[in-house]
Amino acid sequence: MIPLELWPHTVDIATTWQTGESHIEGKARQLGYSWQLAAYDDWLMHFRKNARILSISIGERESKELLGKVRFIDDHLPAWMQLQRY
């Protein structure tokens, strides 16, 4: 496990997400967007009551991988910060 590195392009996209505007991003591989999105989704679930999160991937396998990244991030937070799953 390595810390999330904030690259200029990921900071720009996170700033855009903070505006609350809809955003569609075509992306290549290995740019850090999926981990950035997973971290942002986890943050939303923690700090925005009743947040609605829609992250679409090209296929079911990729969607499950993105959800797995969100769970990985949450599982590696301190216990008191982790989401309570039912």
N, C-alpha and C. Protein backbone atom coordinates (compact mmCIF):
# COMPACT_ATOMS: atom_id res chain seq x y z
N MET A 1 0.85 -1.18 0.00
CA MET A 1 0.00 0.00 0.00
C MET A 1 0.89 1.24 0.00
N ILE A 2 0.54 2.19 -0.87
CA ILE A 2 1.28 3.44 -0.94
C ILE A 2 0.30 4.60 -0.76
N PRO A 3 0.77 5.73 -0.24
CA PRO A 3 -0.12 6.89 -0.08
C PRO A 3 -0.62 7.40 -1.43
N LEU A 4 -1.79 7.98 -1.43
CA LEU A 4 -2.35 8.57 -2.64
C LEU A 4 -1.52 9.80 -2.99
N GLU A 5 -0.98 9.81 -4.20
CA GLU A 5 -0.16 10.93 -4.64
C GLU A 5 -1.04 11.91 -5.43
N LEU A 6 -0.97 13.17 -5.07
CA LEU A 6 -1.77 14.19 -5.74
C LEU A 6 -0.98 14.79 -6.88
N TRP A 7 -1.29 14.35 -8.10
CA TRP A 7 -0.67 14.90 -9.30
C TRP A 7 -1.50 16.10 -9.75
N PRO A 8 -0.89 17.03 -10.49
CA PRO A 8 -1.64 18.23 -10.91
C PRO A 8 -2.95 17.91 -11.63
N HIS A 9 -2.95 16.92 -12.50
CA HIS A 9 -4.19 16.60 -13.22
C HIS A 9 -5.25 16.00 -12.29
N THR A 10 -4.83 15.29 -11.23
CA THR A 10 -5.83 14.74 -10.31
C THR A 10 -6.35 15.82 -9.37
N VAL A 11 -5.52 16.79 -9.04
CA VAL A 11 -5.99 17.92 -8.22
C VAL A 11 -7.01 18.73 -9.02
N ASP A 12 -6.74 18.96 -10.29
CA ASP A 12 -7.68 19.70 -11.15
C ASP A 12 -9.03 19.01 -11.21
N ILE A 13 -9.04 17.70 -11.39
CA ILE A 13 -10.31 16.97 -11.51
C ILE A 13 -11.04 16.96 -10.18
N ALA A 14 -10.33 16.83 -9.07
CA ALA A 14 -10.97 16.85 -7.76
C ALA A 14 -11.59 18.21 -7.49
N THR A 15 -10.93 19.27 -7.93
CA THR A 15 -11.48 20.62 -7.78
C THR A 15 -12.77 20.75 -8.57
N THR A 16 -12.80 20.19 -9.77
CA THR A 16 -14.02 20.19 -10.58
C THR A 16 -15.13 19.42 -9.88
N TRP A 17 -14.80 18.26 -9.30
CA TRP A 17 -15.81 17.46 -8.61
C TRP A 17 -16.41 18.22 -7.44
N GLN A 18 -15.61 19.03 -6.77
CA GLN A 18 -16.08 19.78 -5.61
C GLN A 18 -17.15 20.81 -5.96
N THR A 19 -17.21 21.24 -7.20
CA THR A 19 -18.21 22.22 -7.60
C THR A 19 -19.61 21.63 -7.61
N GLY A 20 -19.68 20.30 -7.66
CA GLY A 20 -20.98 19.64 -7.70
C GLY A 20 -21.57 19.54 -9.09
N GLU A 21 -20.84 20.00 -10.08
CA GLU A 21 -21.31 19.90 -11.46
C GLU A 21 -21.15 18.48 -11.97
N SER A 22 -22.00 18.11 -12.90
CA SER A 22 -21.83 16.81 -13.55
C SER A 22 -20.54 16.86 -14.36
N HIS A 23 -19.91 15.73 -14.46
CA HIS A 23 -18.63 15.71 -15.15
C HIS A 23 -18.47 14.38 -15.87
N ILE A 24 -18.10 14.42 -17.11
CA ILE A 24 -17.80 13.22 -17.89
C ILE A 24 -16.34 13.31 -18.29
N GLU A 25 -15.61 12.26 -18.01
CA GLU A 25 -14.17 12.27 -18.28
C GLU A 25 -13.80 11.02 -19.06
N GLY A 26 -13.29 11.20 -20.26
CA GLY A 26 -12.69 10.09 -20.98
C GLY A 26 -11.27 9.96 -20.47
N LYS A 27 -10.81 8.76 -20.22
CA LYS A 27 -9.49 8.63 -19.62
C LYS A 27 -8.71 7.48 -20.21
N ALA A 28 -7.42 7.59 -20.10
CA ALA A 28 -6.53 6.49 -20.45
C ALA A 28 -6.19 5.74 -19.17
N ARG A 29 -5.45 4.67 -19.32
CA ARG A 29 -5.06 3.90 -18.14
C ARG A 29 -3.84 4.53 -17.46
N GLN A 30 -3.66 4.19 -16.21
CA GLN A 30 -2.48 4.56 -15.43
C GLN A 30 -2.34 6.06 -15.17
N LEU A 31 -3.45 6.77 -15.10
CA LEU A 31 -3.39 8.20 -14.80
C LEU A 31 -3.76 8.51 -13.35
N GLY A 32 -4.22 7.50 -12.62
CA GLY A 32 -4.58 7.69 -11.23
C GLY A 32 -6.02 8.09 -11.00
N TYR A 33 -6.81 8.19 -12.08
CA TYR A 33 -8.19 8.65 -11.93
C TYR A 33 -9.07 7.68 -11.15
N SER A 34 -8.92 6.39 -11.38
CA SER A 34 -9.82 5.46 -10.69
C SER A 34 -9.57 5.45 -9.18
N TRP A 35 -8.30 5.53 -8.77
CA TRP A 35 -8.02 5.61 -7.33
C TRP A 35 -8.47 6.94 -6.76
N GLN A 36 -8.29 8.01 -7.53
CA GLN A 36 -8.77 9.32 -7.11
C GLN A 36 -10.28 9.30 -6.95
N LEU A 37 -10.97 8.70 -7.91
CA LEU A 37 -12.43 8.61 -7.85
C LEU A 37 -12.86 7.75 -6.65
N ALA A 38 -12.17 6.65 -6.42
CA ALA A 38 -12.51 5.80 -5.28
C ALA A 38 -12.34 6.55 -3.96
N ALA A 39 -11.26 7.30 -3.84
CA ALA A 39 -11.03 8.09 -2.62
C ALA A 39 -12.11 9.16 -2.46
N TYR A 40 -12.47 9.80 -3.54
CA TYR A 40 -13.50 10.83 -3.50
C TYR A 40 -14.86 10.23 -3.14
N ASP A 41 -15.18 9.08 -3.73
CA ASP A 41 -16.44 8.41 -3.41
C ASP A 41 -16.50 8.05 -1.92
N ASP A 42 -15.39 7.54 -1.39
CA ASP A 42 -15.36 7.19 0.03
C ASP A 42 -15.53 8.44 0.89
N TRP A 43 -14.88 9.52 0.50
CA TRP A 43 -15.02 10.79 1.23
C TRP A 43 -16.47 11.26 1.21
N LEU A 44 -17.11 11.19 0.04
CA LEU A 44 -18.52 11.59 -0.06
C LEU A 44 -19.40 10.78 0.89
N MET A 45 -19.17 9.47 0.93
CA MET A 45 -19.99 8.62 1.79
C MET A 45 -19.81 8.97 3.27
N HIS A 46 -18.64 9.46 3.63
CA HIS A 46 -18.38 9.83 5.02
C HIS A 46 -18.94 11.19 5.39
N PHE A 47 -18.85 12.14 4.49
CA PHE A 47 -19.10 13.53 4.87
C PHE A 47 -20.29 14.20 4.19
N ARG A 48 -20.97 13.52 3.31
CA ARG A 48 -22.15 14.09 2.67
C ARG A 48 -23.34 13.15 2.91
N LYS A 49 -24.17 13.52 3.86
CA LYS A 49 -25.31 12.69 4.21
C LYS A 49 -26.19 12.47 2.97
N ASN A 50 -26.60 11.25 2.76
CA ASN A 50 -27.46 10.86 1.64
C ASN A 50 -26.84 11.19 0.29
N ALA A 51 -25.53 11.10 0.19
CA ALA A 51 -24.86 11.35 -1.09
C ALA A 51 -25.30 10.31 -2.12
N ARG A 52 -25.50 10.75 -3.33
CA ARG A 52 -25.80 9.84 -4.43
C ARG A 52 -24.58 9.82 -5.33
N ILE A 53 -24.02 8.66 -5.50
CA ILE A 53 -22.77 8.52 -6.24
C ILE A 53 -23.01 7.61 -7.43
N LEU A 54 -22.71 8.10 -8.61
CA LEU A 54 -22.81 7.30 -9.82
C LEU A 54 -21.47 7.33 -10.52
N SER A 55 -20.81 6.20 -10.52
CA SER A 55 -19.54 6.06 -11.22
C SER A 55 -19.71 4.92 -12.22
N ILE A 56 -19.59 5.24 -13.47
CA ILE A 56 -19.85 4.27 -14.53
C ILE A 56 -18.53 3.84 -15.15
N SER A 57 -18.36 2.55 -15.31
CA SER A 57 -17.18 2.01 -15.98
C SER A 57 -17.63 1.33 -17.26
N ILE A 58 -16.66 0.90 -18.03
CA ILE A 58 -16.94 0.33 -19.34
C ILE A 58 -17.67 -1.02 -19.25
N GLY A 59 -17.47 -1.74 -18.17
CA GLY A 59 -18.11 -3.04 -18.02
C GLY A 59 -18.32 -3.41 -16.57
N GLU A 60 -18.99 -4.54 -16.35
CA GLU A 60 -19.29 -4.99 -14.99
C GLU A 60 -18.02 -5.27 -14.20
N ARG A 61 -17.05 -5.91 -14.83
CA ARG A 61 -15.81 -6.24 -14.14
C ARG A 61 -15.11 -4.96 -13.67
N GLU A 62 -15.05 -3.96 -14.53
CA GLU A 62 -14.40 -2.70 -14.18
C GLU A 62 -15.16 -1.96 -13.09
N SER A 63 -16.48 -2.05 -13.12
CA SER A 63 -17.29 -1.42 -12.08
C SER A 63 -17.03 -2.08 -10.73
N LYS A 64 -16.92 -3.40 -10.73
CA LYS A 64 -16.63 -4.12 -9.49
C LYS A 64 -15.23 -3.78 -8.98
N GLU A 65 -14.28 -3.59 -9.91
CA GLU A 65 -12.93 -3.21 -9.50
C GLU A 65 -12.93 -1.83 -8.84
N LEU A 66 -13.71 -0.90 -9.38
CA LEU A 66 -13.80 0.44 -8.79
C LEU A 66 -14.41 0.37 -7.40
N LEU A 67 -15.48 -0.39 -7.24
CA LEU A 67 -16.09 -0.56 -5.92
C LEU A 67 -15.10 -1.22 -4.96
N GLY A 68 -14.31 -2.16 -5.46
CA GLY A 68 -13.29 -2.79 -4.63
C GLY A 68 -12.25 -1.80 -4.14
N LYS A 69 -11.92 -0.81 -4.98
CA LYS A 69 -10.97 0.22 -4.57
C LYS A 69 -11.56 1.09 -3.47
N VAL A 70 -12.85 1.40 -3.57
CA VAL A 70 -13.51 2.19 -2.52
C VAL A 70 -13.47 1.42 -1.21
N ARG A 71 -13.79 0.15 -1.27
CA ARG A 71 -13.77 -0.68 -0.05
C ARG A 71 -12.36 -0.79 0.51
N PHE A 72 -11.36 -0.95 -0.37
CA PHE A 72 -9.97 -1.04 0.08
C PHE A 72 -9.57 0.22 0.84
N ILE A 73 -9.90 1.37 0.28
CA ILE A 73 -9.58 2.64 0.94
C ILE A 73 -10.26 2.72 2.30
N ASP A 74 -11.56 2.40 2.33
CA ASP A 74 -12.28 2.48 3.59
C ASP A 74 -11.74 1.49 4.62
N ASP A 75 -11.40 0.29 4.18
CA ASP A 75 -10.87 -0.73 5.09
C ASP A 75 -9.53 -0.34 5.69
N HIS A 76 -8.80 0.55 5.03
CA HIS A 76 -7.48 0.93 5.52
C HIS A 76 -7.47 2.27 6.25
N LEU A 77 -8.65 2.80 6.49
CA LEU A 77 -8.76 3.97 7.36
C LEU A 77 -8.69 3.49 8.81
N PRO A 78 -8.39 4.38 9.75
CA PRO A 78 -8.47 3.97 11.16
C PRO A 78 -9.88 3.45 11.46
N ALA A 79 -9.99 2.49 12.36
CA ALA A 79 -11.26 1.82 12.64
C ALA A 79 -12.38 2.82 12.96
N TRP A 80 -12.07 3.89 13.66
CA TRP A 80 -13.11 4.84 14.05
C TRP A 80 -13.63 5.65 12.86
N MET A 81 -12.89 5.64 11.75
CA MET A 81 -13.32 6.38 10.55
C MET A 81 -14.03 5.51 9.53
N GLN A 82 -13.95 4.20 9.67
CA GLN A 82 -14.53 3.30 8.67
C GLN A 82 -16.05 3.37 8.69
N LEU A 83 -16.61 3.18 7.51
CA LEU A 83 -18.07 3.14 7.40
C LEU A 83 -18.62 1.91 8.07
N GLN A 84 -19.78 2.04 8.67
CA GLN A 84 -20.45 0.88 9.26
C GLN A 84 -21.27 0.20 8.17
N ARG A 85 -20.92 -1.02 7.85
CA ARG A 85 -21.64 -1.76 6.80
C ARG A 85 -22.65 -2.69 7.45
N TYR A 86 -23.78 -2.78 6.81
CA TYR A 86 -24.85 -3.63 7.35
C TYR A 86 -25.02 -4.85 6.50
